Amino acid sequence: MYYVYVLESLKDGSKYIGSTSDLKRRVNDHNSGHSRFTNQHRPYKLICYMGLELRSDAERFEEYLKSGYGRRVLKNIIRDYLNRKGVLIYGQKN
């Protein structure tokens, strides 16, 4: 199984999108500073992931989420989820 995942920085709220075959190890790598792209924004929490059978599908989905349209879709999904939970976003209840 291959996973596409989204991490959120607990430091500044930035998001990171990646893919891996070992989700637990990869999240630990990010939080341990083993990834140069995420080192300065740690610690992270895993906010969502999707499992796919083929690596090529996971890589294509990761690429989509990193595209402009994919980021907008992901942002809307996260916003709507938090809204249903009653979480404050940007200081206002949505």
PDB file of N, CA and C in Angstrom:
ATOM      1  N   MET A   1       0.841  -1.174   0.000  1.00  0.00           N
ATOM      2  CA  MET A   1       0.000   0.000   0.000  1.00  0.00           C
ATOM      3  C   MET A   1       0.887   1.238   0.000  1.00  0.00           C
ATOM      4  N   TYR A   2       0.462   2.259  -0.730  1.00  0.00           N
ATOM      5  CA  TYR A   2       1.170   3.537  -0.788  1.00  0.00           C
ATOM      6  C   TYR A   2       0.224   4.625  -0.313  1.00  0.00           C
ATOM      7  N   TYR A   3       0.769   5.564   0.415  1.00  0.00           N
ATOM      8  CA  TYR A   3      -0.045   6.589   1.057  1.00  0.00           C
ATOM      9  C   TYR A   3       0.326   7.981   0.573  1.00  0.00           C
ATOM     10  N   VAL A   4      -0.697   8.776   0.335  1.00  0.00           N
ATOM     11  CA  VAL A   4      -0.532  10.209   0.122  1.00  0.00           C
ATOM     12  C   VAL A   4      -1.012  10.846   1.413  1.00  0.00           C
ATOM     13  N   TYR A   5      -0.226  11.762   1.951  1.00  0.00           N
ATOM     14  CA  TYR A   5      -0.546  12.300   3.261  1.00  0.00           C
ATOM     15  C   TYR A   5      -0.389  13.818   3.284  1.00  0.00           C
ATOM     16  N   VAL A   6      -1.063  14.414   4.249  1.00  0.00           N
ATOM     17  CA  VAL A   6      -0.954  15.858   4.473  1.00  0.00           C
ATOM     18  C   VAL A   6      -0.592  16.067   5.932  1.00  0.00           C
ATOM     19  N   LEU A   7       0.478  16.810   6.140  1.00  0.00           N
ATOM     20  CA  LEU A   7       0.916  17.180   7.478  1.00  0.00           C
ATOM     21  C   LEU A   7       0.638  18.655   7.689  1.00  0.00           C
ATOM     22  N   GLU A   8       0.353  19.012   8.941  1.00  0.00           N
ATOM     23  CA  GLU A   8       0.198  20.414   9.286  1.00  0.00           C
ATOM     24  C   GLU A   8       1.202  20.749  10.374  1.00  0.00           C
ATOM     25  N   SER A   9       1.929  21.836  10.162  1.00  0.00           N
ATOM     26  CA  SER A   9       2.903  22.286  11.148  1.00  0.00           C
ATOM     27  C   SER A   9       2.190  22.821  12.386  1.00  0.00           C
ATOM     28  N   LEU A  10       2.579  22.343  13.543  1.00  0.00           N
ATOM     29  CA  LEU A  10       2.052  22.867  14.797  1.00  0.00           C
ATOM     30  C   LEU A  10       2.720  24.198  15.142  1.00  0.00           C
ATOM     31  N   LYS A  11       3.799  24.509  14.450  1.00  0.00           N
ATOM     32  CA  LYS A  11       4.540  25.743  14.669  1.00  0.00           C
ATOM     33  C   LYS A  11       3.892  26.927  13.952  1.00  0.00           C
ATOM     34  N   ASP A  12       3.546  26.741  12.663  1.00  0.00           N
ATOM     35  CA  ASP A  12       3.048  27.874  11.886  1.00  0.00           C
ATOM     36  C   ASP A  12       1.830  27.561  11.012  1.00  0.00           C
ATOM     37  N   GLY A  13       1.300  26.340  11.109  1.00  0.00           N
ATOM     38  CA  GLY A  13       0.103  25.986  10.354  1.00  0.00           C
ATOM     39  C   GLY A  13       0.339  25.643   8.900  1.00  0.00           C
ATOM     40  N   SER A  14       1.585  25.680   8.444  1.00  0.00           N
ATOM     41  CA  SER A  14       1.859  25.343   7.044  1.00  0.00           C
ATOM     42  C   SER A  14       1.549  23.870   6.794  1.00  0.00           C
ATOM     43  N   LYS A  15       1.256  23.549   5.552  1.00  0.00           N
ATOM     44  CA  LYS A  15       0.906  22.183   5.165  1.00  0.00           C
ATOM     45  C   LYS A  15       2.031  21.583   4.333  1.00  0.00           C
ATOM     46  N   TYR A  16       2.190  20.274   4.433  1.00  0.00           N
ATOM     47  CA  TYR A  16       3.132  19.533   3.605  1.00  0.00           C
ATOM     48  C   TYR A  16       2.417  18.323   3.046  1.00  0.00           C
ATOM     49  N   ILE A  17       2.576  18.090   1.756  1.00  0.00           N
ATOM     50  CA  ILE A  17       1.953  16.961   1.070  1.00  0.00           C
ATOM     51  C   ILE A  17       3.062  16.028   0.599  1.00  0.00           C
ATOM     52  N   GLY A  18       2.914  14.736   0.866  1.00  0.00           N
ATOM     53  CA  GLY A  18       3.916  13.769   0.452  1.00  0.00           C
ATOM     54  C   GLY A  18       3.301  12.413   0.198  1.00  0.00           C
ATOM     55  N   SER A  19       4.154  11.467  -0.215  1.00  0.00           N
ATOM     56  CA  SER A  19       3.694  10.088  -0.410  1.00  0.00           C
ATOM     57  C   SER A  19       4.779   9.139   0.082  1.00  0.00           C
ATOM     58  N   THR A  20       4.351   7.947   0.503  1.00  0.00           N
ATOM     59  CA  THR A  20       5.273   6.969   1.080  1.00  0.00           C
ATOM     60  C   THR A  20       4.616   5.598   1.123  1.00  0.00           C
ATOM     61  N   SER A  21       5.436   4.580   1.313  1.00  0.00           N
ATOM     62  CA  SER A  21       4.897   3.240   1.532  1.00  0.00           C
ATOM     63  C   SER A  21       4.859   2.901   3.025  1.00  0.00           C
ATOM     64  N   ASP A  22       5.481   3.739   3.852  1.00  0.00           N
ATOM     65  CA  ASP A  22       5.508   3.516   5.305  1.00  0.00           C
ATOM     66  C   ASP A  22       5.130   4.825   5.998  1.00  0.00           C
ATOM     67  N   LEU A  23       3.855   5.013   6.202  1.00  0.00           N
ATOM     68  CA  LEU A  23       3.332   6.279   6.697  1.00  0.00           C
ATOM     69  C   LEU A  23       3.861   6.623   8.085  1.00  0.00           C
ATOM     70  N   LYS A  24       3.840   5.683   8.994  1.00  0.00           N
ATOM     71  CA  LYS A  24       4.284   5.944  10.368  1.00  0.00           C
ATOM     72  C   LYS A  24       5.750   6.378  10.392  1.00  0.00           C
ATOM     73  N   ARG A  25       6.601   5.661   9.674  1.00  0.00           N
ATOM     74  CA  ARG A  25       8.026   6.003   9.623  1.00  0.00           C
ATOM     75  C   ARG A  25       8.228   7.383   9.020  1.00  0.00           C
ATOM     76  N   ARG A  26       7.486   7.688   7.955  1.00  0.00           N
ATOM     77  CA  ARG A  26       7.679   8.966   7.260  1.00  0.00           C
ATOM     78  C   ARG A  26       7.262  10.149   8.136  1.00  0.00           C
ATOM     79  N   VAL A  27       6.159  10.019   8.854  1.00  0.00           N
ATOM     80  CA  VAL A  27       5.744  11.099   9.763  1.00  0.00           C
ATOM     81  C   VAL A  27       6.807  11.284  10.848  1.00  0.00           C
ATOM     82  N   ASN A  28       7.322  10.185  11.367  1.00  0.00           N
ATOM     83  CA  ASN A  28       8.401  10.269  12.360  1.00  0.00           C
ATOM     84  C   ASN A  28       9.644  10.945  11.778  1.00  0.00           C
ATOM     85  N   ASP A  29       9.967  10.634  10.511  1.00  0.00           N
ATOM     86  CA  ASP A  29      11.107  11.282   9.846  1.00  0.00           C
ATOM     87  C   ASP A  29      10.920  12.795   9.801  1.00  0.00           C
ATOM     88  N   HIS A  30       9.728  13.220   9.428  1.00  0.00           N
ATOM     89  CA  HIS A  30       9.458  14.664   9.360  1.00  0.00           C
ATOM     90  C   HIS A  30       9.614  15.306  10.738  1.00  0.00           C
ATOM     91  N   ASN A  31       9.101  14.678  11.754  1.00  0.00           N
ATOM     92  CA  ASN A  31       9.161  15.249  13.106  1.00  0.00           C
ATOM     93  C   ASN A  31      10.539  15.136  13.743  1.00  0.00           C
ATOM     94  N   SER A  32      11.385  14.262  13.224  1.00  0.00           N
ATOM     95  CA  SER A  32      12.739  14.099  13.750  1.00  0.00           C
ATOM     96  C   SER A  32      13.746  14.993  13.040  1.00  0.00           C
ATOM     97  N   GLY A  33      13.296  15.717  12.010  1.00  0.00           N
ATOM     98  CA  GLY A  33      14.190  16.607  11.275  1.00  0.00           C
ATOM     99  C   GLY A  33      14.957  15.935  10.163  1.00  0.00           C
ATOM    100  N   HIS A  34      14.552  14.739   9.746  1.00  0.00           N
ATOM    101  CA  HIS A  34      15.262  14.017   8.689  1.00  0.00           C
ATOM    102  C   HIS A  34      14.859  14.448   7.284  1.00  0.00           C
ATOM    103  N   SER A  35      13.927  15.350   7.172  1.00  0.00           N
ATOM    104  CA  SER A  35      13.522  15.869   5.866  1.00  0.00           C
ATOM    105  C   SER A  35      13.898  17.341   5.786  1.00  0.00           C
ATOM    106  N   ARG A  36      14.760  17.685   4.840  1.00  0.00           N
ATOM    107  CA  ARG A  36      15.233  19.072   4.769  1.00  0.00           C
ATOM    108  C   ARG A  36      14.119  20.040   4.400  1.00  0.00           C
ATOM    109  N   PHE A  37      13.063  19.562   3.739  1.00  0.00           N
ATOM    110  CA  PHE A  37      11.974  20.439   3.328  1.00  0.00           C
ATOM    111  C   PHE A  37      11.028  20.785   4.476  1.00  0.00           C
ATOM    112  N   THR A  38      10.984  19.959   5.493  1.00  0.00           N
ATOM    113  CA  THR A  38      10.044  20.198   6.591  1.00  0.00           C
ATOM    114  C   THR A  38      10.734  20.496   7.918  1.00  0.00           C
ATOM    115  N   ASN A  39      12.036  20.433   7.948  1.00  0.00           N
ATOM    116  CA  ASN A  39      12.781  20.572   9.199  1.00  0.00           C
ATOM    117  C   ASN A  39      12.455  21.863   9.948  1.00  0.00           C
ATOM    118  N   GLN A  40      12.372  22.986   9.259  1.00  0.00           N
ATOM    119  CA  GLN A  40      12.192  24.272   9.937  1.00  0.00           C
ATOM    120  C   GLN A  40      10.763  24.527  10.421  1.00  0.00           C
ATOM    121  N   HIS A  41       9.813  23.689  10.002  1.00  0.00           N
ATOM    122  CA  HIS A  41       8.411  23.910  10.382  1.00  0.00           C
ATOM    123  C   HIS A  41       7.887  22.891  11.395  1.00  0.00           C
ATOM    124  N   ARG A  42       8.726  22.006  11.872  1.00  0.00           N
ATOM    125  CA  ARG A  42       8.274  20.970  12.797  1.00  0.00           C
ATOM    126  C   ARG A  42       8.013  21.522  14.170  1.00  0.00           C
ATOM    127  N   PRO A  43       7.205  20.855  14.947  1.00  0.00           N
ATOM    128  CA  PRO A  43       6.606  19.527  14.770  1.00  0.00           C
ATOM    129  C   PRO A  43       5.359  19.573  13.880  1.00  0.00           C
ATOM    130  N   TYR A  44       5.021  18.405  13.373  1.00  0.00           N
ATOM    131  CA  TYR A  44       3.875  18.227  12.496  1.00  0.00           C
ATOM    132  C   TYR A  44       2.864  17.271  13.101  1.00  0.00           C
ATOM    133  N   LYS A  45       1.624  17.442  12.645  1.00  0.00           N
ATOM    134  CA  LYS A  45       0.608  16.430  12.941  1.00  0.00           C
ATOM    135  C   LYS A  45       0.038  15.971  11.605  1.00  0.00           C
ATOM    136  N   LEU A  46      -0.291  14.708  11.542  1.00  0.00           N
ATOM    137  CA  LEU A  46      -0.910  14.125  10.354  1.00  0.00           C
ATOM    138  C   LEU A  46      -2.378  14.520  10.354  1.00  0.00           C
ATOM    139  N   ILE A  47      -2.818  15.207   9.297  1.00  0.00           N
ATOM    140  CA  ILE A  47      -4.218  15.630   9.286  1.00  0.00           C
ATOM    141  C   ILE A  47      -5.071  14.813   8.332  1.00  0.00           C
ATOM    142  N   CYS A  48      -4.471  14.190   7.315  1.00  0.00           N
ATOM    143  CA  CYS A  48      -5.242  13.266   6.481  1.00  0.00           C
ATOM    144  C   CYS A  48      -4.291  12.435   5.627  1.00  0.00           C
ATOM    145  N   TYR A  49      -4.791  11.291   5.209  1.00  0.00           N
ATOM    146  CA  TYR A  49      -4.021  10.433   4.305  1.00  0.00           C
ATOM    147  C   TYR A  49      -4.976   9.569   3.499  1.00  0.00           C
ATOM    148  N   MET A  50      -4.453   9.051   2.400  1.00  0.00           N
ATOM    149  CA  MET A  50      -5.234   8.166   1.533  1.00  0.00           C
ATOM    150  C   MET A  50      -4.328   7.019   1.110  1.00  0.00           C
ATOM    151  N   GLY A  51      -4.816   5.799   1.215  1.00  0.00           N
ATOM    152  CA  GLY A  51      -4.063   4.626   0.806  1.00  0.00           C
ATOM    153  C   GLY A  51      -4.426   4.211  -0.611  1.00  0.00           C
ATOM    154  N   LEU A  52      -3.409   3.945  -1.407  1.00  0.00           N
ATOM    155  CA  LEU A  52      -3.601   3.501  -2.786  1.00  0.00           C
ATOM    156  C   LEU A  52      -2.743   2.267  -3.032  1.00  0.00           C
ATOM    157  N   GLU A  53      -3.230   1.385  -3.863  1.00  0.00           N
ATOM    158  CA  GLU A  53      -2.535   0.121  -4.098  1.00  0.00           C
ATOM    159  C   GLU A  53      -1.247   0.291  -4.906  1.00  0.00           C
ATOM    160  N   LEU A  54      -1.253   1.187  -5.876  1.00  0.00           N
ATOM    161  CA  LEU A  54      -0.101   1.349  -6.754  1.00  0.00           C
ATOM    162  C   LEU A  54       0.686   2.617  -6.433  1.00  0.00           C
ATOM    163  N   ARG A  55       2.004   2.480  -6.451  1.00  0.00           N
ATOM    164  CA  ARG A  55       2.874   3.630  -6.202  1.00  0.00           C
ATOM    165  C   ARG A  55       2.629   4.732  -7.237  1.00  0.00           C
ATOM    166  N   SER A  56       2.466   4.351  -8.478  1.00  0.00           N
ATOM    167  CA  SER A  56       2.255   5.347  -9.533  1.00  0.00           C
ATOM    168  C   SER A  56       0.989   6.158  -9.287  1.00  0.00           C
ATOM    169  N   ASP A  57      -0.059   5.520  -8.774  1.00  0.00           N
ATOM    170  CA  ASP A  57      -1.295   6.248  -8.457  1.00  0.00           C
ATOM    171  C   ASP A  57      -1.070   7.231  -7.305  1.00  0.00           C
ATOM    172  N   ALA A  58      -0.324   6.795  -6.298  1.00  0.00           N
ATOM    173  CA  ALA A  58      -0.034   7.670  -5.158  1.00  0.00           C
ATOM    174  C   ALA A  58       0.784   8.875  -5.614  1.00  0.00           C
ATOM    175  N   GLU A  59       1.764   8.645  -6.472  1.00  0.00           N
ATOM    176  CA  GLU A  59       2.591   9.747  -6.957  1.00  0.00           C
ATOM    177  C   GLU A  59       1.769  10.719  -7.805  1.00  0.00           C
ATOM    178  N   ARG A  60       0.864  10.205  -8.618  1.00  0.00           N
ATOM    179  CA  ARG A  60       0.004  11.072  -9.431  1.00  0.00           C
ATOM    180  C   ARG A  60      -0.939  11.875  -8.546  1.00  0.00           C
ATOM    181  N   PHE A  61      -1.496  11.248  -7.509  1.00  0.00           N
ATOM    182  CA  PHE A  61      -2.404  11.963  -6.618  1.00  0.00           C
ATOM    183  C   PHE A  61      -1.644  13.019  -5.816  1.00  0.00           C
ATOM    184  N   GLU A  62      -0.434  12.699  -5.367  1.00  0.00           N
ATOM    185  CA  GLU A  62       0.403  13.684  -4.676  1.00  0.00           C
ATOM    186  C   GLU A  62       0.660  14.879  -5.587  1.00  0.00           C
ATOM    187  N   GLU A  63       1.011  14.626  -6.828  1.00  0.00           N
ATOM    188  CA  GLU A  63       1.262  15.704  -7.789  1.00  0.00           C
ATOM    189  C   GLU A  63       0.013  16.565  -7.980  1.00  0.00           C
ATOM    190  N   TYR A  64      -1.149  15.925  -8.059  1.00  0.00           N
ATOM    191  CA  TYR A  64      -2.406  16.665  -8.193  1.00  0.00           C
ATOM    192  C   TYR A  64      -2.640  17.572  -6.987  1.00  0.00           C
ATOM    193  N   LEU A  65      -2.456  17.036  -5.777  1.00  0.00           N
ATOM    194  CA  LEU A  65      -2.685  17.837  -4.575  1.00  0.00           C
ATOM    195  C   LEU A  65      -1.712  19.005  -4.477  1.00  0.00           C
ATOM    196  N   LYS A  66      -0.546  18.872  -5.072  1.00  0.00           N
ATOM    197  CA  LYS A  66       0.443  19.949  -5.052  1.00  0.00           C
ATOM    198  C   LYS A  66       0.195  20.983  -6.148  1.00  0.00           C
ATOM    199  N   SER A  67      -0.709  20.679  -7.061  1.00  0.00           N
ATOM    200  CA  SER A  67      -1.048  21.632  -8.119  1.00  0.00           C
ATOM    201  C   SER A  67      -1.950  22.721  -7.547  1.00  0.00           C
ATOM    202  N   GLY A  68      -2.101  23.804  -8.276  1.00  0.00           N
ATOM    203  CA  GLY A  68      -2.940  24.905  -7.810  1.00  0.00           C
ATOM    204  C   GLY A  68      -4.359  24.470  -7.520  1.00  0.00           C
ATOM    205  N   TYR A  69      -4.979  23.763  -8.456  1.00  0.00           N
ATOM    206  CA  TYR A  69      -6.356  23.335  -8.257  1.00  0.00           C
ATOM    207  C   TYR A  69      -6.459  22.310  -7.133  1.00  0.00           C
ATOM    208  N   GLY A  70      -5.533  21.376  -7.083  1.00  0.00           N
ATOM    209  CA  GLY A  70      -5.539  20.362  -6.035  1.00  0.00           C
ATOM    210  C   GLY A  70      -5.404  20.970  -4.652  1.00  0.00           C
ATOM    211  N   ARG A  71      -4.544  21.972  -4.508  1.00  0.00           N
ATOM    212  CA  ARG A  71      -4.397  22.656  -3.216  1.00  0.00           C
ATOM    213  C   ARG A  71      -5.688  23.352  -2.812  1.00  0.00           C
ATOM    214  N   ARG A  72      -6.372  23.964  -3.785  1.00  0.00           N
ATOM    215  CA  ARG A  72      -7.648  24.625  -3.477  1.00  0.00           C
ATOM    216  C   ARG A  72      -8.684  23.615  -3.011  1.00  0.00           C
ATOM    217  N   VAL A  73      -8.764  22.483  -3.707  1.00  0.00           N
ATOM    218  CA  VAL A  73      -9.721  21.436  -3.322  1.00  0.00           C
ATOM    219  C   VAL A  73      -9.402  20.940  -1.915  1.00  0.00           C
ATOM    220  N   LEU A  74      -8.137  20.656  -1.651  1.00  0.00           N
ATOM    221  CA  LEU A  74      -7.722  20.173  -0.333  1.00  0.00           C
ATOM    222  C   LEU A  74      -8.038  21.211   0.748  1.00  0.00           C
ATOM    223  N   LYS A  75      -7.740  22.468   0.477  1.00  0.00           N
ATOM    224  CA  LYS A  75      -8.025  23.538   1.438  1.00  0.00           C
ATOM    225  C   LYS A  75      -9.518  23.602   1.760  1.00  0.00           C
ATOM    226  N   ASN A  76     -10.351  23.470   0.739  1.00  0.00           N
ATOM    227  CA  ASN A  76     -11.802  23.506   0.947  1.00  0.00           C
ATOM    228  C   ASN A  76     -12.284  22.310   1.755  1.00  0.00           C
ATOM    229  N   ILE A  77     -11.738  21.139   1.478  1.00  0.00           N
ATOM    230  CA  ILE A  77     -12.119  19.935   2.225  1.00  0.00           C
ATOM    231  C   ILE A  77     -11.753  20.098   3.698  1.00  0.00           C
ATOM    232  N   ILE A  78     -10.539  20.570   3.965  1.00  0.00           N
ATOM    233  CA  ILE A  78     -10.095  20.766   5.344  1.00  0.00           C
ATOM    234  C   ILE A  78     -10.944  21.830   6.024  1.00  0.00           C
ATOM    235  N   ARG A  79     -11.201  22.941   5.351  1.00  0.00           N
ATOM    236  CA  ARG A  79     -12.027  24.011   5.919  1.00  0.00           C
ATOM    237  C   ARG A  79     -13.420  23.505   6.262  1.00  0.00           C
ATOM    238  N   ASP A  80     -14.033  22.762   5.330  1.00  0.00           N
ATOM    239  CA  ASP A  80     -15.381  22.240   5.570  1.00  0.00           C
ATOM    240  C   ASP A  80     -15.397  21.252   6.731  1.00  0.00           C
ATOM    241  N   TYR A  81     -14.370  20.414   6.823  1.00  0.00           N
ATOM    242  CA  TYR A  81     -14.273  19.474   7.937  1.00  0.00           C
ATOM    243  C   TYR A  81     -14.182  20.216   9.265  1.00  0.00           C
ATOM    244  N   LEU A  82     -13.292  21.197   9.329  1.00  0.00           N
ATOM    245  CA  LEU A  82     -13.128  21.963  10.563  1.00  0.00           C
ATOM    246  C   LEU A  82     -14.390  22.742  10.895  1.00  0.00           C
ATOM    247  N   ASN A  83     -15.070  23.228   9.888  1.00  0.00           N
ATOM    248  CA  ASN A  83     -16.324  23.953  10.093  1.00  0.00           C
ATOM    249  C   ASN A  83     -17.368  23.041  10.750  1.00  0.00           C
ATOM    250  N   ARG A  84     -17.463  21.806  10.270  1.00  0.00           N
ATOM    251  CA  ARG A  84     -18.420  20.853  10.852  1.00  0.00           C
ATOM    252  C   ARG A  84     -18.063  20.539  12.307  1.00  0.00           C
ATOM    253  N   LYS A  85     -16.787  20.585  12.625  1.00  0.00           N
ATOM    254  CA  LYS A  85     -16.334  20.324  13.999  1.00  0.00           C
ATOM    255  C   LYS A  85     -16.451  21.556  14.883  1.00  0.00           C
ATOM    256  N   GLY A  86     -16.775  22.708  14.299  1.00  0.00           N
ATOM    257  CA  GLY A  86     -16.902  23.935  15.067  1.00  0.00           C
ATOM    258  C   GLY A  86     -15.571  24.544  15.461  1.00  0.00           C
ATOM    259  N   VAL A  87     -14.526  24.261  14.686  1.00  0.00           N
ATOM    260  CA  VAL A  87     -13.194  24.779  14.984  1.00  0.00           C
ATOM    261  C   VAL A  87     -13.066  26.192  14.431  1.00  0.00           C
ATOM    262  N   LEU A  88     -12.428  27.062  15.215  1.00  0.00           N
ATOM    263  CA  LEU A  88     -12.197  28.425  14.765  1.00  0.00           C
ATOM    264  C   LEU A  88     -11.095  28.444  13.715  1.00  0.00           C
ATOM    265  N   ILE A  89     -11.340  29.138  12.615  1.00  0.00           N
ATOM    266  CA  ILE A  89     -10.355  29.290  11.552  1.00  0.00           C
ATOM    267  C   ILE A  89     -10.088  30.777  11.388  1.00  0.00           C
ATOM    268  N   TYR A  90      -8.838  31.163  11.438  1.00  0.00           N
ATOM    269  CA  TYR A  90      -8.436  32.566  11.279  1.00  0.00           C
ATOM    270  C   TYR A  90      -9.202  33.471  12.251  1.00  0.00           C
ATOM    271  N   GLY A  91      -9.436  32.982  13.457  1.00  0.00           N
ATOM    272  CA  GLY A  91     -10.056  33.786  14.486  1.00  0.00           C
ATOM    273  C   GLY A  91     -11.560  33.949  14.368  1.00  0.00           C
ATOM    274  N   GLN A  92     -12.172  33.304  13.377  1.00  0.00           N
ATOM    275  CA  GLN A  92     -13.622  33.417  13.208  1.00  0.00           C
ATOM    276  C   GLN A  92     -14.213  32.032  13.109  1.00  0.00           C
ATOM    277  N   LYS A  93     -15.384  31.869  13.649  1.00  0.00           N
ATOM    278  CA  LYS A  93     -16.087  30.600  13.502  1.00  0.00           C
ATOM    279  C   LYS A  93     -16.729  30.571  12.128  1.00  0.00           C
ATOM    280  N   ASN A  94     -16.452  29.518  11.372  1.00  0.00           N
ATOM    281  CA  ASN A  94     -17.017  29.386  10.011  1.00  0.00           C
ATOM    282  C   ASN A  94     -18.266  28.549  10.020  1.00  0.00           C
TER     283      ASN A  94
END
